[in-house]
């Protein structure tokens, strides 16, 4: 048996906050909402971007994930940081990691989210 890939990431939010999740994950981060299967709870929402699937579910005893987090790799970290700041979301740099630019932010519910971009090497001539 071999684990082949991550199918999706699940984050929790408080009840009734799906519209705020849509505003953050779709409008700011660029995910697209996709339909949940009809046999699942009508609450919560699912998002996709390329090969990345994010499921946002309701937790009646919600507490934000302030250490555990998804890390999303993006293709234009600088413009995403600017868009997040303009929308009132704080961005925090952290310890550098070789070959990546990155920062952390929080979704509207306090869940920690890492955003990172692979640093492209110099092209030899």
PDB file of N, CA and C in Angstrom:
ATOM      1  N   UNK A   1       0.852  -1.179   0.000  1.00  0.00           N
ATOM      2  CA  UNK A   1       0.000   0.000   0.000  1.00  0.00           C
ATOM      3  C   UNK A   1       0.886   1.226   0.000  1.00  0.00           C
ATOM      4  N   UNK A   2       0.578   2.181  -0.883  1.00  0.00           N
ATOM      5  CA  UNK A   2       1.323   3.429  -0.983  1.00  0.00           C
ATOM      6  C   UNK A   2       0.351   4.594  -1.005  1.00  0.00           C
ATOM      7  N   UNK A   3       0.635   5.621  -0.233  1.00  0.00           N
ATOM      8  CA  UNK A   3      -0.151   6.853  -0.324  1.00  0.00           C
ATOM      9  C   UNK A   3       0.321   7.577  -1.568  1.00  0.00           C
ATOM     10  N   UNK A   4      -0.614   7.922  -2.441  1.00  0.00           N
ATOM     11  CA  UNK A   4      -0.272   8.510  -3.737  1.00  0.00           C
ATOM     12  C   UNK A   4      -0.332  10.034  -3.765  1.00  0.00           C
ATOM     13  N   UNK A   5      -1.251  10.612  -3.022  1.00  0.00           N
ATOM     14  CA  UNK A   5      -1.425  12.064  -3.063  1.00  0.00           C
ATOM     15  C   UNK A   5      -2.377  12.482  -1.956  1.00  0.00           C
ATOM     16  N   UNK A   6      -2.451  13.759  -1.715  1.00  0.00           N
ATOM     17  CA  UNK A   6      -3.486  14.308  -0.845  1.00  0.00           C
ATOM     18  C   UNK A   6      -4.703  14.570  -1.714  1.00  0.00           C
ATOM     19  N   UNK A   7      -5.843  14.044  -1.320  1.00  0.00           N
ATOM     20  CA  UNK A   7      -7.064  14.263  -2.086  1.00  0.00           C
ATOM     21  C   UNK A   7      -7.638  15.656  -1.822  1.00  0.00           C
ATOM     22  N   UNK A   8      -7.681  16.053  -0.556  1.00  0.00           N
ATOM     23  CA  UNK A   8      -8.193  17.379  -0.214  1.00  0.00           C
ATOM     24  C   UNK A   8      -7.701  17.773   1.178  1.00  0.00           C
ATOM     25  N   UNK A   9      -7.863  19.028   1.481  1.00  0.00           N
ATOM     26  CA  UNK A   9      -7.586  19.578   2.803  1.00  0.00           C
ATOM     27  C   UNK A   9      -8.933  20.001   3.376  1.00  0.00           C
ATOM     28  N   UNK A  10      -9.145  19.737   4.665  1.00  0.00           N
ATOM     29  CA  UNK A  10     -10.381  20.161   5.337  1.00  0.00           C
ATOM     30  C   UNK A  10     -10.033  21.204   6.384  1.00  0.00           C
ATOM     31  N   UNK A  11     -10.727  22.333   6.341  1.00  0.00           N
ATOM     32  CA  UNK A  11     -10.632  23.353   7.371  1.00  0.00           C
ATOM     33  C   UNK A  11     -12.007  23.538   7.988  1.00  0.00           C
ATOM     34  N   UNK A  12     -12.031  23.906   9.256  1.00  0.00           N
ATOM     35  CA  UNK A  12     -13.295  24.136   9.948  1.00  0.00           C
ATOM     36  C   UNK A  12     -13.568  25.634  10.056  1.00  0.00           C
ATOM     37  N   UNK A  13     -14.855  25.959  10.057  1.00  0.00           N
ATOM     38  CA  UNK A  13     -15.312  27.331  10.268  1.00  0.00           C
ATOM     39  C   UNK A  13     -16.546  27.284  11.171  1.00  0.00           C
ATOM     40  N   UNK A  14     -16.932  28.411  11.755  1.00  0.00           N
ATOM     41  CA  UNK A  14     -18.162  28.438  12.562  1.00  0.00           C
ATOM     42  C   UNK A  14     -19.405  28.314  11.678  1.00  0.00           C
ATOM     43  N   UNK A  15     -20.491  27.883  12.274  1.00  0.00           N
ATOM     44  CA  UNK A  15     -21.761  27.736  11.558  1.00  0.00           C
ATOM     45  C   UNK A  15     -22.208  29.060  10.955  1.00  0.00           C
ATOM     46  N   UNK A  16     -22.745  28.980   9.736  1.00  0.00           N
ATOM     47  CA  UNK A  16     -23.323  30.142   9.074  1.00  0.00           C
ATOM     48  C   UNK A  16     -22.321  31.098   8.448  1.00  0.00           C
ATOM     49  N   UNK A  17     -21.069  30.703   8.339  1.00  0.00           N
ATOM     50  CA  UNK A  17     -20.029  31.613   7.840  1.00  0.00           C
ATOM     51  C   UNK A  17     -19.536  31.263   6.435  1.00  0.00           C
ATOM     52  N   UNK A  18     -20.322  30.502   5.685  1.00  0.00           N
ATOM     53  CA  UNK A  18     -19.900  30.098   4.341  1.00  0.00           C
ATOM     54  C   UNK A  18     -19.632  31.294   3.414  1.00  0.00           C
ATOM     55  N   UNK A  19     -20.433  32.342   3.500  1.00  0.00           N
ATOM     56  CA  UNK A  19     -20.218  33.496   2.612  1.00  0.00           C
ATOM     57  C   UNK A  19     -18.877  34.167   2.885  1.00  0.00           C
ATOM     58  N   UNK A  20     -18.483  34.251   4.142  1.00  0.00           N
ATOM     59  CA  UNK A  20     -17.165  34.815   4.467  1.00  0.00           C
ATOM     60  C   UNK A  20     -16.056  33.897   3.978  1.00  0.00           C
ATOM     61  N   UNK A  21     -16.276  32.593   4.028  1.00  0.00           N
ATOM     62  CA  UNK A  21     -15.286  31.644   3.492  1.00  0.00           C
ATOM     63  C   UNK A  21     -15.160  31.828   1.975  1.00  0.00           C
ATOM     64  N   UNK A  22     -16.281  31.969   1.298  1.00  0.00           N
ATOM     65  CA  UNK A  22     -16.256  32.197  -0.153  1.00  0.00           C
ATOM     66  C   UNK A  22     -15.501  33.484  -0.498  1.00  0.00           C
ATOM     67  N   UNK A  23     -15.756  34.542   0.256  1.00  0.00           N
ATOM     68  CA  UNK A  23     -15.092  35.819  -0.014  1.00  0.00           C
ATOM     69  C   UNK A  23     -13.575  35.683   0.132  1.00  0.00           C
ATOM     70  N   UNK A  24     -13.123  34.946   1.118  1.00  0.00           N
ATOM     71  CA  UNK A  24     -11.687  34.793   1.329  1.00  0.00           C
ATOM     72  C   UNK A  24     -11.077  33.812   0.327  1.00  0.00           C
ATOM     73  N   UNK A  25     -11.620  32.610   0.271  1.00  0.00           N
ATOM     74  CA  UNK A  25     -10.978  31.567  -0.533  1.00  0.00           C
ATOM     75  C   UNK A  25     -11.196  31.757  -2.039  1.00  0.00           C
ATOM     76  N   UNK A  26     -12.328  32.274  -2.438  1.00  0.00           N
ATOM     77  CA  UNK A  26     -12.572  32.508  -3.870  1.00  0.00           C
ATOM     78  C   UNK A  26     -12.085  33.895  -4.291  1.00  0.00           C
ATOM     79  N   UNK A  27     -12.612  34.929  -3.658  1.00  0.00           N
ATOM     80  CA  UNK A  27     -12.322  36.291  -4.104  1.00  0.00           C
ATOM     81  C   UNK A  27     -10.871  36.703  -3.882  1.00  0.00           C
ATOM     82  N   UNK A  28     -10.272  36.284  -2.762  1.00  0.00           N
ATOM     83  CA  UNK A  28      -8.896  36.696  -2.481  1.00  0.00           C
ATOM     84  C   UNK A  28      -7.855  35.679  -2.938  1.00  0.00           C
ATOM     85  N   UNK A  29      -8.081  34.389  -2.639  1.00  0.00           N
ATOM     86  CA  UNK A  29      -7.075  33.387  -2.983  1.00  0.00           C
ATOM     87  C   UNK A  29      -7.262  32.778  -4.365  1.00  0.00           C
ATOM     88  N   UNK A  30      -8.411  32.969  -4.985  1.00  0.00           N
ATOM     89  CA  UNK A  30      -8.593  32.509  -6.357  1.00  0.00           C
ATOM     90  C   UNK A  30      -9.140  31.101  -6.526  1.00  0.00           C
ATOM     91  N   UNK A  31      -9.633  30.496  -5.463  1.00  0.00           N
ATOM     92  CA  UNK A  31     -10.287  29.195  -5.607  1.00  0.00           C
ATOM     93  C   UNK A  31     -11.623  29.371  -6.332  1.00  0.00           C
ATOM     94  N   UNK A  32     -12.140  28.278  -6.865  1.00  0.00           N
ATOM     95  CA  UNK A  32     -13.468  28.226  -7.468  1.00  0.00           C
ATOM     96  C   UNK A  32     -14.320  27.294  -6.615  1.00  0.00           C
ATOM     97  N   UNK A  33     -15.527  27.710  -6.294  1.00  0.00           N
ATOM     98  CA  UNK A  33     -16.407  26.825  -5.531  1.00  0.00           C
ATOM     99  C   UNK A  33     -16.928  25.717  -6.436  1.00  0.00           C
ATOM    100  N   UNK A  34     -16.972  24.502  -5.907  1.00  0.00           N
ATOM    101  CA  UNK A  34     -17.521  23.351  -6.620  1.00  0.00           C
ATOM    102  C   UNK A  34     -18.642  22.755  -5.787  1.00  0.00           C
ATOM    103  N   UNK A  35     -19.575  22.097  -6.457  1.00  0.00           N
ATOM    104  CA  UNK A  35     -20.731  21.517  -5.769  1.00  0.00           C
ATOM    105  C   UNK A  35     -20.305  20.357  -4.876  1.00  0.00           C
ATOM    106  N   UNK A  36     -20.899  20.312  -3.695  1.00  0.00           N
ATOM    107  CA  UNK A  36     -20.707  19.166  -2.805  1.00  0.00           C
ATOM    108  C   UNK A  36     -21.678  18.066  -3.237  1.00  0.00           C
ATOM    109  N   UNK A  37     -21.339  16.808  -2.997  1.00  0.00           N
ATOM    110  CA  UNK A  37     -22.289  15.728  -3.288  1.00  0.00           C
ATOM    111  C   UNK A  37     -23.600  15.935  -2.522  1.00  0.00           C
ATOM    112  N   UNK A  38     -24.697  15.618  -3.156  1.00  0.00           N
ATOM    113  CA  UNK A  38     -26.023  15.858  -2.581  1.00  0.00           C
ATOM    114  C   UNK A  38     -26.239  15.121  -1.258  1.00  0.00           C
ATOM    115  N   UNK A  39     -25.565  13.988  -1.070  1.00  0.00           N
ATOM    116  CA  UNK A  39     -25.795  13.204   0.145  1.00  0.00           C
ATOM    117  C   UNK A  39     -25.010  13.736   1.349  1.00  0.00           C
ATOM    118  N   UNK A  40     -24.231  14.796   1.183  1.00  0.00           N
ATOM    119  CA  UNK A  40     -23.509  15.385   2.312  1.00  0.00           C
ATOM    120  C   UNK A  40     -24.293  16.551   2.877  1.00  0.00           C
ATOM    121  N   UNK A  41     -23.947  16.925   4.084  1.00  0.00           N
ATOM    122  CA  UNK A  41     -24.615  18.031   4.768  1.00  0.00           C
ATOM    123  C   UNK A  41     -24.690  19.258   3.866  1.00  0.00           C
ATOM    124  N   UNK A  42     -25.805  19.985   3.911  1.00  0.00           N
ATOM    125  CA  UNK A  42     -25.916  21.182   3.075  1.00  0.00           C
ATOM    126  C   UNK A  42     -25.007  22.325   3.551  1.00  0.00           C
ATOM    127  N   UNK A  43     -24.452  22.216   4.761  1.00  0.00           N
ATOM    128  CA  UNK A  43     -23.580  23.290   5.253  1.00  0.00           C
ATOM    129  C   UNK A  43     -22.147  23.055   4.800  1.00  0.00           C
ATOM    130  N   UNK A  44     -21.356  24.109   4.885  1.00  0.00           N
ATOM    131  CA  UNK A  44     -19.976  24.031   4.436  1.00  0.00           C
ATOM    132  C   UNK A  44     -19.883  24.276   2.942  1.00  0.00           C
ATOM    133  N   UNK A  45     -18.672  24.275   2.406  1.00  0.00           N
ATOM    134  CA  UNK A  45     -18.473  24.471   0.978  1.00  0.00           C
ATOM    135  C   UNK A  45     -17.147  23.857   0.551  1.00  0.00           C
ATOM    136  N   UNK A  46     -17.073  23.538  -0.735  1.00  0.00           N
ATOM    137  CA  UNK A  46     -15.885  22.935  -1.324  1.00  0.00           C
ATOM    138  C   UNK A  46     -15.324  23.867  -2.384  1.00  0.00           C
ATOM    139  N   UNK A  47     -14.001  23.904  -2.454  1.00  0.00           N
ATOM    140  CA  UNK A  47     -13.309  24.761  -3.408  1.00  0.00           C
ATOM    141  C   UNK A  47     -12.219  23.976  -4.121  1.00  0.00           C
ATOM    142  N   UNK A  48     -11.874  24.433  -5.324  1.00  0.00           N
ATOM    143  CA  UNK A  48     -10.764  23.841  -6.073  1.00  0.00           C
ATOM    144  C   UNK A  48      -9.979  24.943  -6.775  1.00  0.00           C
ATOM    145  N   UNK A  49      -8.695  24.655  -6.975  1.00  0.00           N
ATOM    146  CA  UNK A  49      -7.829  25.484  -7.807  1.00  0.00           C
ATOM    147  C   UNK A  49      -6.783  24.545  -8.385  1.00  0.00           C
ATOM    148  N   UNK A  50      -6.858  24.304  -9.687  1.00  0.00           N
ATOM    149  CA  UNK A  50      -5.955  23.333 -10.296  1.00  0.00           C
ATOM    150  C   UNK A  50      -6.147  21.971  -9.657  1.00  0.00           C
ATOM    151  N   UNK A  51      -5.079  21.388  -9.144  1.00  0.00           N
ATOM    152  CA  UNK A  51      -5.118  20.071  -8.509  1.00  0.00           C
ATOM    153  C   UNK A  51      -5.423  20.134  -7.010  1.00  0.00           C
ATOM    154  N   UNK A  52      -5.615  21.330  -6.476  1.00  0.00           N
ATOM    155  CA  UNK A  52      -5.803  21.513  -5.039  1.00  0.00           C
ATOM    156  C   UNK A  52      -7.291  21.561  -4.707  1.00  0.00           C
ATOM    157  N   UNK A  53      -7.702  20.710  -3.766  1.00  0.00           N
ATOM    158  CA  UNK A  53      -9.094  20.697  -3.301  1.00  0.00           C
ATOM    159  C   UNK A  53      -9.125  21.076  -1.823  1.00  0.00           C
ATOM    160  N   UNK A  54     -10.016  22.006  -1.483  1.00  0.00           N
ATOM    161  CA  UNK A  54     -10.180  22.482  -0.120  1.00  0.00           C
ATOM    162  C   UNK A  54     -11.640  22.315   0.273  1.00  0.00           C
ATOM    163  N   UNK A  55     -11.876  21.611   1.358  1.00  0.00           N
ATOM    164  CA  UNK A  55     -13.221  21.438   1.891  1.00  0.00           C
ATOM    165  C   UNK A  55     -13.312  22.257   3.172  1.00  0.00           C
ATOM    166  N   UNK A  56     -14.338  23.076   3.271  1.00  0.00           N
ATOM    167  CA  UNK A  56     -14.560  23.906   4.449  1.00  0.00           C
ATOM    168  C   UNK A  56     -15.834  23.402   5.109  1.00  0.00           C
ATOM    169  N   UNK A  57     -15.679  22.895   6.329  1.00  0.00           N
ATOM    170  CA  UNK A  57     -16.807  22.305   7.033  1.00  0.00           C
ATOM    171  C   UNK A  57     -17.150  23.052   8.303  1.00  0.00           C
ATOM    172  N   UNK A  58     -18.377  22.897   8.725  1.00  0.00           N
ATOM    173  CA  UNK A  58     -18.874  23.548   9.934  1.00  0.00           C
ATOM    174  C   UNK A  58     -18.521  22.703  11.149  1.00  0.00           C
ATOM    175  N   UNK A  59     -17.966  23.362  12.155  1.00  0.00           N
ATOM    176  CA  UNK A  59     -17.680  22.711  13.434  1.00  0.00           C
ATOM    177  C   UNK A  59     -18.458  23.466  14.503  1.00  0.00           C
ATOM    178  N   UNK A  60     -19.444  22.809  15.127  1.00  0.00           N
ATOM    179  CA  UNK A  60     -20.234  23.515  16.141  1.00  0.00           C
ATOM    180  C   UNK A  60     -19.394  23.953  17.344  1.00  0.00           C
ATOM    181  N   UNK A  61     -18.252  23.320  17.556  1.00  0.00           N
ATOM    182  CA  UNK A  61     -17.342  23.694  18.641  1.00  0.00           C
ATOM    183  C   UNK A  61     -16.076  24.321  18.061  1.00  0.00           C
ATOM    184  N   UNK A  62     -16.244  25.166  17.060  1.00  0.00           N
ATOM    185  CA  UNK A  62     -15.125  25.714  16.301  1.00  0.00           C
ATOM    186  C   UNK A  62     -14.099  26.413  17.177  1.00  0.00           C
ATOM    187  N   UNK A  63     -12.839  26.097  16.894  1.00  0.00           N
ATOM    188  CA  UNK A  63     -11.670  26.816  17.394  1.00  0.00           C
ATOM    189  C   UNK A  63     -10.709  26.911  16.224  1.00  0.00           C
ATOM    190  N   UNK A  64     -10.151  28.072  15.945  1.00  0.00           N
ATOM    191  CA  UNK A  64      -9.261  28.195  14.782  1.00  0.00           C
ATOM    192  C   UNK A  64      -7.990  27.369  14.943  1.00  0.00           C
ATOM    193  N   UNK A  65      -7.493  26.887  13.808  1.00  0.00           N
ATOM    194  CA  UNK A  65      -6.214  26.184  13.771  1.00  0.00           C
ATOM    195  C   UNK A  65      -5.127  27.249  13.659  1.00  0.00           C
ATOM    196  N   UNK A  66      -4.428  27.511  14.760  1.00  0.00           N
ATOM    197  CA  UNK A  66      -3.444  28.590  14.778  1.00  0.00           C
ATOM    198  C   UNK A  66      -2.015  28.100  14.559  1.00  0.00           C
ATOM    199  N   UNK A  67      -1.795  26.805  14.573  1.00  0.00           N
ATOM    200  CA  UNK A  67      -0.474  26.252  14.263  1.00  0.00           C
ATOM    201  C   UNK A  67      -0.565  25.336  13.032  1.00  0.00           C
ATOM    202  N   UNK A  68      -1.441  24.330  13.090  1.00  0.00           N
ATOM    203  CA  UNK A  68      -1.651  23.463  11.927  1.00  0.00           C
ATOM    204  C   UNK A  68      -2.194  24.321  10.798  1.00  0.00           C
ATOM    205  N   UNK A  69      -1.773  24.027   9.553  1.00  0.00           N
ATOM    206  CA  UNK A  69      -2.192  24.893   8.453  1.00  0.00           C
ATOM    207  C   UNK A  69      -1.952  24.232   7.108  1.00  0.00           C
ATOM    208  N   UNK A  70      -2.729  24.653   6.096  1.00  0.00           N
ATOM    209  CA  UNK A  70      -2.379  24.290   4.725  1.00  0.00           C
ATOM    210  C   UNK A  70      -1.338  25.283   4.208  1.00  0.00           C
ATOM    211  N   UNK A  71      -0.520  24.825   3.283  1.00  0.00           N
ATOM    212  CA  UNK A  71       0.432  25.705   2.592  1.00  0.00           C
ATOM    213  C   UNK A  71       0.111  25.620   1.114  1.00  0.00           C
ATOM    214  N   UNK A  72      -0.309  26.731   0.539  1.00  0.00           N
ATOM    215  CA  UNK A  72      -0.679  26.775  -0.870  1.00  0.00           C
ATOM    216  C   UNK A  72       0.451  27.423  -1.655  1.00  0.00           C
ATOM    217  N   UNK A  73       0.921  26.741  -2.704  1.00  0.00           N
ATOM    218  CA  UNK A  73       1.948  27.305  -3.576  1.00  0.00           C
ATOM    219  C   UNK A  73       1.249  28.123  -4.654  1.00  0.00           C
ATOM    220  N   UNK A  74       1.722  29.346  -4.867  1.00  0.00           N
ATOM    221  CA  UNK A  74       1.103  30.272  -5.812  1.00  0.00           C
ATOM    222  C   UNK A  74       2.134  30.730  -6.837  1.00  0.00           C
ATOM    223  N   UNK A  75       1.668  31.410  -7.892  1.00  0.00           N
ATOM    224  CA  UNK A  75       2.580  31.856  -8.942  1.00  0.00           C
ATOM    225  C   UNK A  75       2.884  33.352  -8.896  1.00  0.00           C
ATOM    226  N   UNK A  76       2.238  34.105  -7.991  1.00  0.00           N
ATOM    227  CA  UNK A  76       2.525  35.534  -7.867  1.00  0.00           C
ATOM    228  C   UNK A  76       2.288  35.956  -6.424  1.00  0.00           C
ATOM    229  N   UNK A  77       3.239  35.626  -5.583  1.00  0.00           N
ATOM    230  CA  UNK A  77       3.108  35.861  -4.145  1.00  0.00           C
ATOM    231  C   UNK A  77       2.998  37.347  -3.819  1.00  0.00           C
ATOM    232  N   UNK A  78       3.764  38.184  -4.518  1.00  0.00           N
ATOM    233  CA  UNK A  78       3.760  39.624  -4.223  1.00  0.00           C
ATOM    234  C   UNK A  78       2.382  40.244  -4.459  1.00  0.00           C
ATOM    235  N   UNK A  79       1.738  39.902  -5.568  1.00  0.00           N
ATOM    236  CA  UNK A  79       0.421  40.495  -5.822  1.00  0.00           C
ATOM    237  C   UNK A  79      -0.629  39.926  -4.873  1.00  0.00           C
ATOM    238  N   UNK A  80      -0.482  38.670  -4.481  1.00  0.00           N
ATOM    239  CA  UNK A  80      -1.420  38.088  -3.512  1.00  0.00           C
ATOM    240  C   UNK A  80      -1.268  38.766  -2.157  1.00  0.00           C
ATOM    241  N   UNK A  81      -0.040  39.015  -1.740  1.00  0.00           N
ATOM    242  CA  UNK A  81       0.185  39.720  -0.468  1.00  0.00           C
ATOM    243  C   UNK A  81      -0.476  41.101  -0.516  1.00  0.00           C
ATOM    244  N   UNK A  82      -0.302  41.809  -1.621  1.00  0.00           N
ATOM    245  CA  UNK A  82      -0.896  43.142  -1.773  1.00  0.00           C
ATOM    246  C   UNK A  82      -2.424  43.065  -1.698  1.00  0.00           C
ATOM    247  N   UNK A  83      -3.014  42.087  -2.400  1.00  0.00           N
ATOM    248  CA  UNK A  83      -4.470  41.931  -2.391  1.00  0.00           C
ATOM    249  C   UNK A  83      -4.986  41.617  -0.984  1.00  0.00           C
ATOM    250  N   UNK A  84      -4.279  40.748  -0.250  1.00  0.00           N
ATOM    251  CA  UNK A  84      -4.684  40.412   1.117  1.00  0.00           C
ATOM    252  C   UNK A  84      -4.598  41.631   2.028  1.00  0.00           C
ATOM    253  N   UNK A  85      -3.511  42.378   1.928  1.00  0.00           N
ATOM    254  CA  UNK A  85      -3.360  43.567   2.770  1.00  0.00           C
ATOM    255  C   UNK A  85      -4.441  44.600   2.470  1.00  0.00           C
ATOM    256  N   UNK A  86      -4.747  44.793   1.176  1.00  0.00           N
ATOM    257  CA  UNK A  86      -5.795  45.752   0.802  1.00  0.00           C
ATOM    258  C   UNK A  86      -7.148  45.330   1.353  1.00  0.00           C
ATOM    259  N   UNK A  87      -7.346  44.028   1.539  1.00  0.00           N
ATOM    260  CA  UNK A  87      -8.605  43.523   2.090  1.00  0.00           C
ATOM    261  C   UNK A  87      -8.584  43.473   3.621  1.00  0.00           C
ATOM    262  N   UNK A  88      -7.488  43.934   4.231  1.00  0.00           N
ATOM    263  CA  UNK A  88      -7.419  44.009   5.684  1.00  0.00           C
ATOM    264  C   UNK A  88      -6.855  42.784   6.367  1.00  0.00           C
ATOM    265  N   UNK A  89      -6.234  41.883   5.620  1.00  0.00           N
ATOM    266  CA  UNK A  89      -5.648  40.680   6.213  1.00  0.00           C
ATOM    267  C   UNK A  89      -4.162  40.897   6.465  1.00  0.00           C
ATOM    268  N   UNK A  90      -3.743  40.639   7.686  1.00  0.00           N
ATOM    269  CA  UNK A  90      -2.339  40.768   8.047  1.00  0.00           C
ATOM    270  C   UNK A  90      -1.533  39.655   7.371  1.00  0.00           C
ATOM    271  N   UNK A  91      -0.320  39.964   6.941  1.00  0.00           N
ATOM    272  CA  UNK A  91       0.594  38.956   6.407  1.00  0.00           C
ATOM    273  C   UNK A  91       1.859  38.981   7.262  1.00  0.00           C
ATOM    274  N   UNK A  92       2.381  37.791   7.584  1.00  0.00           N
ATOM    275  CA  UNK A  92       3.542  37.685   8.466  1.00  0.00           C
ATOM    276  C   UNK A  92       4.605  36.832   7.807  1.00  0.00           C
ATOM    277  N   UNK A  93       5.805  37.404   7.708  1.00  0.00           N
ATOM    278  CA  UNK A  93       6.938  36.618   7.242  1.00  0.00           C
ATOM    279  C   UNK A  93       7.357  35.672   8.358  1.00  0.00           C
ATOM    280  N   UNK A  94       8.062  34.614   7.987  1.00  0.00           N
ATOM    281  CA  UNK A  94       8.508  33.618   8.946  1.00  0.00           C
ATOM    282  C   UNK A  94       9.939  33.241   8.590  1.00  0.00           C
ATOM    283  N   UNK A  95      10.484  32.299   9.292  1.00  0.00           N
ATOM    284  CA  UNK A  95      11.836  31.825   9.023  1.00  0.00           C
ATOM    285  C   UNK A  95      11.963  31.442   7.551  1.00  0.00           C
ATOM    286  N   UNK A  96      12.987  31.962   6.871  1.00  0.00           N
ATOM    287  CA  UNK A  96      13.150  31.626   5.449  1.00  0.00           C
ATOM    288  C   UNK A  96      13.355  30.125   5.229  1.00  0.00           C
ATOM    289  N   UNK A  97      12.866  29.662   4.098  1.00  0.00           N
ATOM    290  CA  UNK A  97      13.084  28.290   3.652  1.00  0.00           C
ATOM    291  C   UNK A  97      13.761  28.371   2.294  1.00  0.00           C
ATOM    292  N   UNK A  98      14.831  27.625   2.130  1.00  0.00           N
ATOM    293  CA  UNK A  98      15.577  27.662   0.878  1.00  0.00           C
ATOM    294  C   UNK A  98      14.665  27.392  -0.310  1.00  0.00           C
ATOM    295  N   UNK A  99      14.818  28.185  -1.346  1.00  0.00           N
ATOM    296  CA  UNK A  99      14.120  28.067  -2.627  1.00  0.00           C
ATOM    297  C   UNK A  99      12.673  28.557  -2.609  1.00  0.00           C
ATOM    298  N   UNK A 100      12.232  29.179  -1.506  1.00  0.00           N
ATOM    299  CA  UNK A 100      10.854  29.666  -1.444  1.00  0.00           C
ATOM    300  C   UNK A 100      10.789  31.064  -0.853  1.00  0.00           C
ATOM    301  N   UNK A 101       9.862  31.876  -1.381  1.00  0.00           N
ATOM    302  CA  UNK A 101       9.365  33.069  -0.703  1.00  0.00           C
ATOM    303  C   UNK A 101       8.048  32.631  -0.088  1.00  0.00           C
ATOM    304  N   UNK A 102       7.750  33.137   1.107  1.00  0.00           N
ATOM    305  CA  UNK A 102       6.501  32.702   1.751  1.00  0.00           C
ATOM    306  C   UNK A 102       6.089  33.682   2.834  1.00  0.00           C
ATOM    307  N   UNK A 103       4.823  33.591   3.200  1.00  0.00           N
ATOM    308  CA  UNK A 103       4.302  34.321   4.350  1.00  0.00           C
ATOM    309  C   UNK A 103       3.072  33.589   4.860  1.00  0.00           C
ATOM    310  N   UNK A 104       2.659  33.981   6.046  1.00  0.00           N
ATOM    311  CA  UNK A 104       1.450  33.426   6.661  1.00  0.00           C
ATOM    312  C   UNK A 104       0.395  34.517   6.743  1.00  0.00           C
ATOM    313  N   UNK A 105      -0.848  34.095   6.694  1.00  0.00           N
ATOM    314  CA  UNK A 105      -1.982  34.965   6.956  1.00  0.00           C
ATOM    315  C   UNK A 105      -3.003  34.110   7.698  1.00  0.00           C
ATOM    316  N   UNK A 106      -4.127  34.683   8.023  1.00  0.00           N
ATOM    317  CA  UNK A 106      -5.224  33.930   8.632  1.00  0.00           C
ATOM    318  C   UNK A 106      -6.481  34.163   7.822  1.00  0.00           C
ATOM    319  N   UNK A 107      -7.313  33.135   7.728  1.00  0.00           N
ATOM    320  CA  UNK A 107      -8.609  33.330   7.082  1.00  0.00           C
ATOM    321  C   UNK A 107      -9.494  34.144   8.031  1.00  0.00           C
ATOM    322  N   UNK A 108     -10.698  34.513   7.638  1.00  0.00           N
ATOM    323  CA  UNK A 108     -11.537  35.361   8.492  1.00  0.00           C
ATOM    324  C   UNK A 108     -11.896  34.739   9.838  1.00  0.00           C
ATOM    325  N   UNK A 109     -11.593  33.458  10.023  1.00  0.00           N
ATOM    326  CA  UNK A 109     -11.973  32.736  11.234  1.00  0.00           C
ATOM    327  C   UNK A 109     -10.777  32.482  12.144  1.00  0.00           C
ATOM    328  N   UNK A 110      -9.584  32.907  11.698  1.00  0.00           N
ATOM    329  CA  UNK A 110      -8.378  32.717  12.494  1.00  0.00           C
ATOM    330  C   UNK A 110      -7.578  31.487  12.142  1.00  0.00           C
ATOM    331  N   UNK A 111      -8.012  30.720  11.130  1.00  0.00           N
ATOM    332  CA  UNK A 111      -7.229  29.564  10.693  1.00  0.00           C
ATOM    333  C   UNK A 111      -5.960  30.053  10.006  1.00  0.00           C
ATOM    334  N   UNK A 112      -4.827  29.498  10.386  1.00  0.00           N
ATOM    335  CA  UNK A 112      -3.534  29.865   9.794  1.00  0.00           C
ATOM    336  C   UNK A 112      -3.436  29.311   8.375  1.00  0.00           C
ATOM    337  N   UNK A 113      -2.928  30.129   7.455  1.00  0.00           N
ATOM    338  CA  UNK A 113      -2.756  29.741   6.058  1.00  0.00           C
ATOM    339  C   UNK A 113      -1.376  30.215   5.614  1.00  0.00           C
ATOM    340  N   UNK A 114      -0.592  29.299   5.031  1.00  0.00           N
ATOM    341  CA  UNK A 114       0.710  29.662   4.481  1.00  0.00           C
ATOM    342  C   UNK A 114       0.586  29.779   2.967  1.00  0.00           C
ATOM    343  N   UNK A 115       1.225  30.806   2.420  1.00  0.00           N
ATOM    344  CA  UNK A 115       1.245  31.017   0.976  1.00  0.00           C
ATOM    345  C   UNK A 115       2.703  31.116   0.566  1.00  0.00           C
ATOM    346  N   UNK A 116       3.066  30.392  -0.482  1.00  0.00           N
ATOM    347  CA  UNK A 116       4.468  30.316  -0.853  1.00  0.00           C
ATOM    348  C   UNK A 116       4.652  30.256  -2.355  1.00  0.00           C
ATOM    349  N   UNK A 117       5.816  30.739  -2.787  1.00  0.00           N
ATOM    350  CA  UNK A 117       6.153  30.722  -4.201  1.00  0.00           C
ATOM    351  C   UNK A 117       7.570  30.189  -4.340  1.00  0.00           C
ATOM    352  N   UNK A 118       7.736  29.246  -5.237  1.00  0.00           N
ATOM    353  CA  UNK A 118       9.052  28.679  -5.535  1.00  0.00           C
ATOM    354  C   UNK A 118       9.886  29.762  -6.203  1.00  0.00           C
ATOM    355  N   UNK A 119      11.106  29.954  -5.730  1.00  0.00           N
ATOM    356  CA  UNK A 119      12.014  30.927  -6.316  1.00  0.00           C
ATOM    357  C   UNK A 119      12.659  30.277  -7.532  1.00  0.00           C
ATOM    358  N   UNK A 120      12.528  30.933  -8.674  1.00  0.00           N
ATOM    359  CA  UNK A 120      13.098  30.404  -9.908  1.00  0.00           C
ATOM    360  C   UNK A 120      14.588  30.702  -9.945  1.00  0.00           C
ATOM    361  N   UNK A 121      15.372  29.688 -10.333  1.00  0.00           N
ATOM    362  CA  UNK A 121      16.818  29.858 -10.428  1.00  0.00           C
ATOM    363  C   UNK A 121      17.195  30.704 -11.631  1.00  0.00           C
ATOM    364  N   UNK A 122      18.428  31.126 -11.657  1.00  0.00           N
ATOM    365  CA  UNK A 122      18.924  31.911 -12.783  1.00  0.00           C
ATOM    366  C   UNK A 122      19.066  31.030 -14.015  1.00  0.00           C
ATOM    367  N   UNK A 123      18.732  31.563 -15.142  1.00  0.00           N
ATOM    368  CA  UNK A 123      18.852  30.831 -16.410  1.00  0.00           C
ATOM    369  C   UNK A 123      20.271  31.028 -16.909  1.00  0.00           C
ATOM    370  N   UNK A 124      20.978  29.924 -17.178  1.00  0.00           N
ATOM    371  CA  UNK A 124      22.346  30.047 -17.685  1.00  0.00           C
ATOM    372  C   UNK A 124      22.316  30.376 -19.174  1.00  0.00           C
ATOM    373  N   UNK A 125      23.312  31.117 -19.607  1.00  0.00           N
ATOM    374  CA  UNK A 125      23.367  31.526 -21.018  1.00  0.00           C
ATOM    375  C   UNK A 125      24.461  30.787 -21.729  1.00  0.00           C
TER     376      UNK A 125
END
